[in-house]
Amino acid sequence: MYIRKRNHDIFNLKAVNQFDVIYFDAFGPTEQPELWTASIFKIMFEALKPNGVLMTYCAQGAARRAMQSVGFKVDRLPGPPSKRHILRAVKLA
């Protein structure tokens, strides 16, 4: 098992079923609203393999609903110190 970090421009990503995990560490919806839309999450949904996971520190309801609208199963989990919650979104097989 290995991890390969890839730095992609999400607006131009054309991957289909290629990734096991996406760690989405963008600034929040207030600072970068264009990164928290259903169209962006659709790109990531398509890029993930079945049972792939999208993780983010953003736990806002609008982000969660956008993820759910494209097919993710989304869970709000306890966050690390100084962060109350995080989101885990799974592309179910």
PDB file of N, CA and C in Angstrom:
ATOM      1  N   MET A   1       0.844  -1.173   0.000  1.00  0.00           N
ATOM      2  CA  MET A   1       0.000   0.000   0.000  1.00  0.00           C
ATOM      3  C   MET A   1       0.891   1.238   0.000  1.00  0.00           C
ATOM      4  N   TYR A   2       0.481   2.247  -0.746  1.00  0.00           N
ATOM      5  CA  TYR A   2       1.240   3.476  -0.785  1.00  0.00           C
ATOM      6  C   TYR A   2       0.285   4.650  -0.985  1.00  0.00           C
ATOM      7  N   ILE A   3       0.788   5.822  -0.682  1.00  0.00           N
ATOM      8  CA  ILE A   3       0.027   7.059  -0.867  1.00  0.00           C
ATOM      9  C   ILE A   3       0.780   7.916  -1.863  1.00  0.00           C
ATOM     10  N   ARG A   4       0.057   8.412  -2.830  1.00  0.00           N
ATOM     11  CA  ARG A   4       0.641   9.335  -3.798  1.00  0.00           C
ATOM     12  C   ARG A   4      -0.174  10.621  -3.736  1.00  0.00           C
ATOM     13  N   LYS A   5       0.483  11.697  -3.392  1.00  0.00           N
ATOM     14  CA  LYS A   5      -0.168  12.995  -3.330  1.00  0.00           C
ATOM     15  C   LYS A   5      -0.181  13.598  -4.729  1.00  0.00           C
ATOM     16  N   ARG A   6      -1.349  14.077  -5.143  1.00  0.00           N
ATOM     17  CA  ARG A   6      -1.477  14.719  -6.449  1.00  0.00           C
ATOM     18  C   ARG A   6      -2.112  16.081  -6.243  1.00  0.00           C
ATOM     19  N   ASN A   7      -1.586  17.052  -6.901  1.00  0.00           N
ATOM     20  CA  ASN A   7      -2.100  18.413  -6.823  1.00  0.00           C
ATOM     21  C   ASN A   7      -2.805  18.711  -8.145  1.00  0.00           C
ATOM     22  N   HIS A   8      -4.133  18.785  -8.116  1.00  0.00           N
ATOM     23  CA  HIS A   8      -4.923  18.975  -9.329  1.00  0.00           C
ATOM     24  C   HIS A   8      -5.739  20.255  -9.256  1.00  0.00           C
ATOM     25  N   ASP A   9      -5.972  20.846 -10.401  1.00  0.00           N
ATOM     26  CA  ASP A   9      -6.937  21.935 -10.527  1.00  0.00           C
ATOM     27  C   ASP A   9      -8.311  21.282 -10.629  1.00  0.00           C
ATOM     28  N   ILE A  10      -9.092  21.402  -9.596  1.00  0.00           N
ATOM     29  CA  ILE A  10     -10.373  20.695  -9.532  1.00  0.00           C
ATOM     30  C   ILE A  10     -11.309  21.100 -10.663  1.00  0.00           C
ATOM     31  N   PHE A  11     -11.196  22.314 -11.149  1.00  0.00           N
ATOM     32  CA  PHE A  11     -12.074  22.772 -12.227  1.00  0.00           C
ATOM     33  C   PHE A  11     -11.797  22.047 -13.543  1.00  0.00           C
ATOM     34  N   ASN A  12     -10.592  21.494 -13.702  1.00  0.00           N
ATOM     35  CA  ASN A  12     -10.207  20.831 -14.945  1.00  0.00           C
ATOM     36  C   ASN A  12      -9.971  19.332 -14.784  1.00  0.00           C
ATOM     37  N   LEU A  13     -10.321  18.777 -13.647  1.00  0.00           N
ATOM     38  CA  LEU A  13     -10.096  17.359 -13.398  1.00  0.00           C
ATOM     39  C   LEU A  13     -11.061  16.522 -14.236  1.00  0.00           C
ATOM     40  N   LYS A  14     -10.520  15.593 -15.008  1.00  0.00           N
ATOM     41  CA  LYS A  14     -11.321  14.735 -15.883  1.00  0.00           C
ATOM     42  C   LYS A  14     -11.171  13.267 -15.500  1.00  0.00           C
ATOM     43  N   ALA A  15     -10.919  12.979 -14.248  1.00  0.00           N
ATOM     44  CA  ALA A  15     -10.695  11.613 -13.781  1.00  0.00           C
ATOM     45  C   ALA A  15     -12.020  10.901 -13.542  1.00  0.00           C
ATOM     46  N   VAL A  16     -12.038   9.602 -13.827  1.00  0.00           N
ATOM     47  CA  VAL A  16     -13.213   8.771 -13.559  1.00  0.00           C
ATOM     48  C   VAL A  16     -12.740   7.508 -12.845  1.00  0.00           C
ATOM     49  N   ASN A  17     -13.284   7.264 -11.647  1.00  0.00           N
ATOM     50  CA  ASN A  17     -12.965   6.065 -10.856  1.00  0.00           C
ATOM     51  C   ASN A  17     -11.462   5.859 -10.676  1.00  0.00           C
ATOM     52  N   GLN A  18     -10.735   6.921 -10.336  1.00  0.00           N
ATOM     53  CA  GLN A  18      -9.276   6.816 -10.211  1.00  0.00           C
ATOM     54  C   GLN A  18      -8.746   6.933  -8.786  1.00  0.00           C
ATOM     55  N   PHE A  19      -9.486   7.527  -7.886  1.00  0.00           N
ATOM     56  CA  PHE A  19      -8.935   7.835  -6.566  1.00  0.00           C
ATOM     57  C   PHE A  19      -9.681   7.094  -5.461  1.00  0.00           C
ATOM     58  N   ASP A  20      -8.917   6.678  -4.451  1.00  0.00           N
ATOM     59  CA  ASP A  20      -9.503   6.043  -3.271  1.00  0.00           C
ATOM     60  C   ASP A  20      -9.914   7.072  -2.235  1.00  0.00           C
ATOM     61  N   VAL A  21      -9.120   8.149  -2.121  1.00  0.00           N
ATOM     62  CA  VAL A  21      -9.347   9.175  -1.105  1.00  0.00           C
ATOM     63  C   VAL A  21      -9.088  10.553  -1.703  1.00  0.00           C
ATOM     64  N   ILE A  22      -9.955  11.488  -1.360  1.00  0.00           N
ATOM     65  CA  ILE A  22      -9.711  12.902  -1.656  1.00  0.00           C
ATOM     66  C   ILE A  22      -9.778  13.644  -0.340  1.00  0.00           C
ATOM     67  N   TYR A  23      -8.697  14.331  -0.015  1.00  0.00           N
ATOM     68  CA  TYR A  23      -8.667  15.206   1.161  1.00  0.00           C
ATOM     69  C   TYR A  23      -8.868  16.618   0.633  1.00  0.00           C
ATOM     70  N   PHE A  24     -10.027  17.183   0.910  1.00  0.00           N
ATOM     71  CA  PHE A  24     -10.405  18.491   0.368  1.00  0.00           C
ATOM     72  C   PHE A  24     -10.178  19.542   1.437  1.00  0.00           C
ATOM     73  N   ASP A  25      -9.075  20.276   1.305  1.00  0.00           N
ATOM     74  CA  ASP A  25      -8.654  21.246   2.318  1.00  0.00           C
ATOM     75  C   ASP A  25      -8.714  22.662   1.766  1.00  0.00           C
ATOM     76  N   ALA A  26      -9.824  22.990   1.123  1.00  0.00           N
ATOM     77  CA  ALA A  26     -10.012  24.354   0.617  1.00  0.00           C
ATOM     78  C   ALA A  26     -10.441  25.270   1.764  1.00  0.00           C
ATOM     79  N   PHE A  27     -10.282  26.585   1.557  1.00  0.00           N
ATOM     80  CA  PHE A  27     -10.872  27.511   2.518  1.00  0.00           C
ATOM     81  C   PHE A  27     -12.378  27.303   2.517  1.00  0.00           C
ATOM     82  N   GLY A  28     -13.036  27.702   3.566  1.00  0.00           N
ATOM     83  CA  GLY A  28     -14.470  27.456   3.723  1.00  0.00           C
ATOM     84  C   GLY A  28     -15.343  28.176   2.722  1.00  0.00           C
ATOM     85  N   PRO A  29     -16.634  27.836   2.715  1.00  0.00           N
ATOM     86  CA  PRO A  29     -17.580  28.418   1.768  1.00  0.00           C
ATOM     87  C   PRO A  29     -17.684  29.938   1.833  1.00  0.00           C
ATOM     88  N   THR A  30     -17.402  30.523   2.958  1.00  0.00           N
ATOM     89  CA  THR A  30     -17.454  31.977   3.056  1.00  0.00           C
ATOM     90  C   THR A  30     -16.339  32.625   2.240  1.00  0.00           C
ATOM     91  N   GLU A  31     -15.133  32.020   2.282  1.00  0.00           N
ATOM     92  CA  GLU A  31     -13.977  32.574   1.580  1.00  0.00           C
ATOM     93  C   GLU A  31     -13.892  32.121   0.123  1.00  0.00           C
ATOM     94  N   GLN A  32     -14.286  30.889  -0.176  1.00  0.00           N
ATOM     95  CA  GLN A  32     -14.199  30.343  -1.531  1.00  0.00           C
ATOM     96  C   GLN A  32     -15.502  29.627  -1.899  1.00  0.00           C
ATOM     97  N   PRO A  33     -16.585  30.358  -2.076  1.00  0.00           N
ATOM     98  CA  PRO A  33     -17.876  29.703  -2.326  1.00  0.00           C
ATOM     99  C   PRO A  33     -17.898  28.867  -3.597  1.00  0.00           C
ATOM    100  N   GLU A  34     -17.071  29.202  -4.571  1.00  0.00           N
ATOM    101  CA  GLU A  34     -17.058  28.461  -5.838  1.00  0.00           C
ATOM    102  C   GLU A  34     -16.560  27.027  -5.679  1.00  0.00           C
ATOM    103  N   LEU A  35     -15.895  26.718  -4.555  1.00  0.00           N
ATOM    104  CA  LEU A  35     -15.371  25.372  -4.319  1.00  0.00           C
ATOM    105  C   LEU A  35     -16.317  24.482  -3.523  1.00  0.00           C
ATOM    106  N   TRP A  36     -17.478  24.993  -3.172  1.00  0.00           N
ATOM    107  CA  TRP A  36     -18.401  24.256  -2.310  1.00  0.00           C
ATOM    108  C   TRP A  36     -19.762  24.058  -2.973  1.00  0.00           C
ATOM    109  N   THR A  37     -19.761  23.884  -4.276  1.00  0.00           N
ATOM    110  CA  THR A  37     -20.996  23.732  -5.036  1.00  0.00           C
ATOM    111  C   THR A  37     -21.210  22.270  -5.432  1.00  0.00           C
ATOM    112  N   ALA A  38     -22.439  21.948  -5.783  1.00  0.00           N
ATOM    113  CA  ALA A  38     -22.738  20.589  -6.240  1.00  0.00           C
ATOM    114  C   ALA A  38     -21.907  20.229  -7.474  1.00  0.00           C
ATOM    115  N   SER A  39     -21.657  21.184  -8.357  1.00  0.00           N
ATOM    116  CA  SER A  39     -20.884  20.864  -9.570  1.00  0.00           C
ATOM    117  C   SER A  39     -19.457  20.454  -9.235  1.00  0.00           C
ATOM    118  N   ILE A  40     -18.848  21.059  -8.229  1.00  0.00           N
ATOM    119  CA  ILE A  40     -17.495  20.672  -7.805  1.00  0.00           C
ATOM    120  C   ILE A  40     -17.525  19.292  -7.153  1.00  0.00           C
ATOM    121  N   PHE A  41     -18.521  19.059  -6.311  1.00  0.00           N
ATOM    122  CA  PHE A  41     -18.608  17.750  -5.663  1.00  0.00           C
ATOM    123  C   PHE A  41     -18.940  16.652  -6.662  1.00  0.00           C
ATOM    124  N   LYS A  42     -19.625  16.959  -7.732  1.00  0.00           N
ATOM    125  CA  LYS A  42     -19.893  15.983  -8.794  1.00  0.00           C
ATOM    126  C   LYS A  42     -18.578  15.561  -9.460  1.00  0.00           C
ATOM    127  N   ILE A  43     -17.677  16.514  -9.698  1.00  0.00           N
ATOM    128  CA  ILE A  43     -16.364  16.195 -10.270  1.00  0.00           C
ATOM    129  C   ILE A  43     -15.620  15.221  -9.352  1.00  0.00           C
ATOM    130  N   MET A  44     -15.638  15.495  -8.052  1.00  0.00           N
ATOM    131  CA  MET A  44     -14.938  14.629  -7.109  1.00  0.00           C
ATOM    132  C   MET A  44     -15.627  13.273  -6.983  1.00  0.00           C
ATOM    133  N   PHE A  45     -16.966  13.269  -7.005  1.00  0.00           N
ATOM    134  CA  PHE A  45     -17.716  12.017  -6.946  1.00  0.00           C
ATOM    135  C   PHE A  45     -17.320  11.113  -8.113  1.00  0.00           C
ATOM    136  N   GLU A  46     -17.265  11.665  -9.309  1.00  0.00           N
ATOM    137  CA  GLU A  46     -16.907  10.881 -10.491  1.00  0.00           C
ATOM    138  C   GLU A  46     -15.454  10.414 -10.445  1.00  0.00           C
ATOM    139  N   ALA A  47     -14.572  11.212  -9.845  1.00  0.00           N
ATOM    140  CA  ALA A  47     -13.148  10.868  -9.771  1.00  0.00           C
ATOM    141  C   ALA A  47     -12.867   9.739  -8.790  1.00  0.00           C
ATOM    142  N   LEU A  48     -13.715   9.583  -7.780  1.00  0.00           N
ATOM    143  CA  LEU A  48     -13.495   8.541  -6.783  1.00  0.00           C
ATOM    144  C   LEU A  48     -13.902   7.169  -7.298  1.00  0.00           C
ATOM    145  N   LYS A  49     -13.164   6.169  -6.849  1.00  0.00           N
ATOM    146  CA  LYS A  49     -13.553   4.783  -7.100  1.00  0.00           C
ATOM    147  C   LYS A  49     -14.780   4.459  -6.245  1.00  0.00           C
ATOM    148  N   PRO A  50     -15.527   3.403  -6.562  1.00  0.00           N
ATOM    149  CA  PRO A  50     -16.600   2.970  -5.663  1.00  0.00           C
ATOM    150  C   PRO A  50     -16.035   2.731  -4.263  1.00  0.00           C
ATOM    151  N   ASN A  51     -16.759   3.187  -3.262  1.00  0.00           N
ATOM    152  CA  ASN A  51     -16.361   3.158  -1.850  1.00  0.00           C
ATOM    153  C   ASN A  51     -15.231   4.135  -1.542  1.00  0.00           C
ATOM    154  N   GLY A  52     -14.904   5.029  -2.476  1.00  0.00           N
ATOM    155  CA  GLY A  52     -13.919   6.071  -2.223  1.00  0.00           C
ATOM    156  C   GLY A  52     -14.444   7.083  -1.226  1.00  0.00           C
ATOM    157  N   VAL A  53     -13.522   7.777  -0.573  1.00  0.00           N
ATOM    158  CA  VAL A  53     -13.864   8.682   0.527  1.00  0.00           C
ATOM    159  C   VAL A  53     -13.347  10.090   0.242  1.00  0.00           C
ATOM    160  N   LEU A  54     -14.206  11.055   0.490  1.00  0.00           N
ATOM    161  CA  LEU A  54     -13.857  12.478   0.466  1.00  0.00           C
ATOM    162  C   LEU A  54     -13.894  12.968   1.905  1.00  0.00           C
ATOM    163  N   MET A  55     -12.790  13.558   2.374  1.00  0.00           N
ATOM    164  CA  MET A  55     -12.716  14.097   3.735  1.00  0.00           C
ATOM    165  C   MET A  55     -12.484  15.595   3.670  1.00  0.00           C
ATOM    166  N   THR A  56     -13.141  16.333   4.574  1.00  0.00           N
ATOM    167  CA  THR A  56     -12.936  17.772   4.667  1.00  0.00           C
ATOM    168  C   THR A  56     -13.188  18.247   6.087  1.00  0.00           C
ATOM    169  N   TYR A  57     -12.490  19.308   6.459  1.00  0.00           N
ATOM    170  CA  TYR A  57     -12.715  19.926   7.756  1.00  0.00           C
ATOM    171  C   TYR A  57     -13.994  20.756   7.767  1.00  0.00           C
ATOM    172  N   CYS A  58     -14.501  21.122   6.608  1.00  0.00           N
ATOM    173  CA  CYS A  58     -15.715  21.920   6.541  1.00  0.00           C
ATOM    174  C   CYS A  58     -16.909  21.050   6.917  1.00  0.00           C
ATOM    175  N   ALA A  59     -17.686  21.495   7.879  1.00  0.00           N
ATOM    176  CA  ALA A  59     -18.858  20.727   8.305  1.00  0.00           C
ATOM    177  C   ALA A  59     -20.139  21.542   8.167  1.00  0.00           C
ATOM    178  N   GLN A  60     -20.112  22.575   7.346  1.00  0.00           N
ATOM    179  CA  GLN A  60     -21.304  23.411   7.177  1.00  0.00           C
ATOM    180  C   GLN A  60     -22.407  22.642   6.471  1.00  0.00           C
ATOM    181  N   GLY A  61     -23.635  22.942   6.850  1.00  0.00           N
ATOM    182  CA  GLY A  61     -24.794  22.259   6.291  1.00  0.00           C
ATOM    183  C   GLY A  61     -24.909  22.383   4.788  1.00  0.00           C
ATOM    184  N   ALA A  62     -24.603  23.554   4.238  1.00  0.00           N
ATOM    185  CA  ALA A  62     -24.705  23.748   2.784  1.00  0.00           C
ATOM    186  C   ALA A  62     -23.721  22.841   2.047  1.00  0.00           C
ATOM    187  N   ALA A  63     -22.526  22.683   2.573  1.00  0.00           N
ATOM    188  CA  ALA A  63     -21.538  21.792   1.957  1.00  0.00           C
ATOM    189  C   ALA A  63     -22.025  20.352   2.039  1.00  0.00           C
ATOM    190  N   ARG A  64     -22.533  19.954   3.181  1.00  0.00           N
ATOM    191  CA  ARG A  64     -23.050  18.588   3.354  1.00  0.00           C
ATOM    192  C   ARG A  64     -24.183  18.306   2.377  1.00  0.00           C
ATOM    193  N   ARG A  65     -25.106  19.245   2.244  1.00  0.00           N
ATOM    194  CA  ARG A  65     -26.235  19.066   1.326  1.00  0.00           C
ATOM    195  C   ARG A  65     -25.779  19.008  -0.132  1.00  0.00           C
ATOM    196  N   ALA A  66     -24.769  19.796  -0.501  1.00  0.00           N
ATOM    197  CA  ALA A  66     -24.241  19.757  -1.868  1.00  0.00           C
ATOM    198  C   ALA A  66     -23.611  18.389  -2.152  1.00  0.00           C
ATOM    199  N   MET A  67     -22.897  17.842  -1.181  1.00  0.00           N
ATOM    200  CA  MET A  67     -22.314  16.507  -1.351  1.00  0.00           C
ATOM    201  C   MET A  67     -23.402  15.452  -1.521  1.00  0.00           C
ATOM    202  N   GLN A  68     -24.412  15.527  -0.676  1.00  0.00           N
ATOM    203  CA  GLN A  68     -25.508  14.562  -0.748  1.00  0.00           C
ATOM    204  C   GLN A  68     -26.262  14.665  -2.073  1.00  0.00           C
ATOM    205  N   SER A  69     -26.380  15.856  -2.615  1.00  0.00           N
ATOM    206  CA  SER A  69     -27.151  16.059  -3.838  1.00  0.00           C
ATOM    207  C   SER A  69     -26.529  15.359  -5.057  1.00  0.00           C
ATOM    208  N   VAL A  70     -25.227  15.063  -4.998  1.00  0.00           N
ATOM    209  CA  VAL A  70     -24.583  14.383  -6.125  1.00  0.00           C
ATOM    210  C   VAL A  70     -24.392  12.893  -5.873  1.00  0.00           C
ATOM    211  N   GLY A  71     -24.831  12.401  -4.713  1.00  0.00           N
ATOM    212  CA  GLY A  71     -24.805  10.964  -4.460  1.00  0.00           C
ATOM    213  C   GLY A  71     -23.953  10.485  -3.308  1.00  0.00           C
ATOM    214  N   PHE A  72     -23.211  11.371  -2.655  1.00  0.00           N
ATOM    215  CA  PHE A  72     -22.398  10.944  -1.522  1.00  0.00           C
ATOM    216  C   PHE A  72     -23.267  10.583  -0.328  1.00  0.00           C
ATOM    217  N   LYS A  73     -22.825   9.586   0.441  1.00  0.00           N
ATOM    218  CA  LYS A  73     -23.353   9.333   1.775  1.00  0.00           C
ATOM    219  C   LYS A  73     -22.445  10.124   2.707  1.00  0.00           C
ATOM    220  N   VAL A  74     -23.007  11.060   3.442  1.00  0.00           N
ATOM    221  CA  VAL A  74     -22.199  11.991   4.229  1.00  0.00           C
ATOM    222  C   VAL A  74     -22.443  11.775   5.719  1.00  0.00           C
ATOM    223  N   ASP A  75     -21.349  11.700   6.468  1.00  0.00           N
ATOM    224  CA  ASP A  75     -21.402  11.584   7.925  1.00  0.00           C
ATOM    225  C   ASP A  75     -20.630  12.732   8.546  1.00  0.00           C
ATOM    226  N   ARG A  76     -21.204  13.304   9.589  1.00  0.00           N
ATOM    227  CA  ARG A  76     -20.497  14.321  10.374  1.00  0.00           C
ATOM    228  C   ARG A  76     -19.826  13.592  11.529  1.00  0.00           C
ATOM    229  N   LEU A  77     -18.517  13.755  11.632  1.00  0.00           N
ATOM    230  CA  LEU A  77     -17.717  13.065  12.641  1.00  0.00           C
ATOM    231  C   LEU A  77     -17.104  14.065  13.609  1.00  0.00           C
ATOM    232  N   PRO A  78     -16.731  13.596  14.804  1.00  0.00           N
ATOM    233  CA  PRO A  78     -16.016  14.483  15.724  1.00  0.00           C
ATOM    234  C   PRO A  78     -14.719  14.955  15.082  1.00  0.00           C
ATOM    235  N   GLY A  79     -14.409  16.220  15.266  1.00  0.00           N
ATOM    236  CA  GLY A  79     -13.204  16.785  14.680  1.00  0.00           C
ATOM    237  C   GLY A  79     -12.003  16.699  15.599  1.00  0.00           C
ATOM    238  N   PRO A  80     -10.848  17.101  15.082  1.00  0.00           N
ATOM    239  CA  PRO A  80      -9.634  17.136  15.901  1.00  0.00           C
ATOM    240  C   PRO A  80      -9.711  18.305  16.890  1.00  0.00           C
ATOM    241  N   PRO A  81      -8.701  18.458  17.752  1.00  0.00           N
ATOM    242  CA  PRO A  81      -8.714  19.602  18.668  1.00  0.00           C
ATOM    243  C   PRO A  81      -8.926  20.917  17.913  1.00  0.00           C
ATOM    244  N   SER A  82      -9.727  21.759  18.453  1.00  0.00           N
ATOM    245  CA  SER A  82     -10.101  23.088  17.936  1.00  0.00           C
ATOM    246  C   SER A  82     -11.093  23.018  16.774  1.00  0.00           C
ATOM    247  N   LYS A  83     -11.554  21.832  16.415  1.00  0.00           N
ATOM    248  CA  LYS A  83     -12.537  21.683  15.335  1.00  0.00           C
ATOM    249  C   LYS A  83     -13.633  20.760  15.850  1.00  0.00           C
ATOM    250  N   ARG A  84     -14.844  21.263  15.943  1.00  0.00           N
ATOM    251  CA  ARG A  84     -15.916  20.464  16.528  1.00  0.00           C
ATOM    252  C   ARG A  84     -16.301  19.265  15.662  1.00  0.00           C
ATOM    253  N   HIS A  85     -16.423  19.473  14.326  1.00  0.00           N
ATOM    254  CA  HIS A  85     -16.840  18.395  13.432  1.00  0.00           C
ATOM    255  C   HIS A  85     -16.053  18.436  12.123  1.00  0.00           C
ATOM    256  N   ILE A  86     -16.016  17.304  11.455  1.00  0.00           N
ATOM    257  CA  ILE A  86     -15.508  17.183  10.090  1.00  0.00           C
ATOM    258  C   ILE A  86     -16.530  16.368   9.310  1.00  0.00           C
ATOM    259  N   LEU A  87     -16.398  16.370   7.962  1.00  0.00           N
ATOM    260  CA  LEU A  87     -17.301  15.581   7.134  1.00  0.00           C
ATOM    261  C   LEU A  87     -16.539  14.468   6.420  1.00  0.00           C
ATOM    262  N   ARG A  88     -17.184  13.300   6.379  1.00  0.00           N
ATOM    263  CA  ARG A  88     -16.701  12.181   5.571  1.00  0.00           C
ATOM    264  C   ARG A  88     -17.802  11.848   4.576  1.00  0.00           C
ATOM    265  N   ALA A  89     -17.478  11.912   3.293  1.00  0.00           N
ATOM    266  CA  ALA A  89     -18.433  11.601   2.237  1.00  0.00           C
ATOM    267  C   ALA A  89     -17.935  10.367   1.493  1.00  0.00           C
ATOM    268  N   VAL A  90     -18.823   9.385   1.328  1.00  0.00           N
ATOM    269  CA  VAL A  90     -18.448   8.125   0.700  1.00  0.00           C
ATOM    270  C   VAL A  90     -19.250   7.927  -0.580  1.00  0.00           C
ATOM    271  N   LYS A  91     -18.546   7.506  -1.619  1.00  0.00           N
ATOM    272  CA  LYS A  91     -19.209   7.123  -2.874  1.00  0.00           C
ATOM    273  C   LYS A  91     -19.521   5.627  -2.757  1.00  0.00           C
ATOM    274  N   LEU A  92     -20.751   5.321  -2.406  1.00  0.00           N
ATOM    275  CA  LEU A  92     -21.123   3.922  -2.191  1.00  0.00           C
ATOM    276  C   LEU A  92     -21.071   3.148  -3.500  1.00  0.00           C
ATOM    277  N   ALA A  93     -20.648   1.890  -3.389  1.00  0.00           N
ATOM    278  CA  ALA A  93     -20.543   1.019  -4.573  1.00  0.00           C
ATOM    279  C   ALA A  93     -21.924   0.681  -5.098  1.00  0.00           C
TER     280      ALA A  93
END
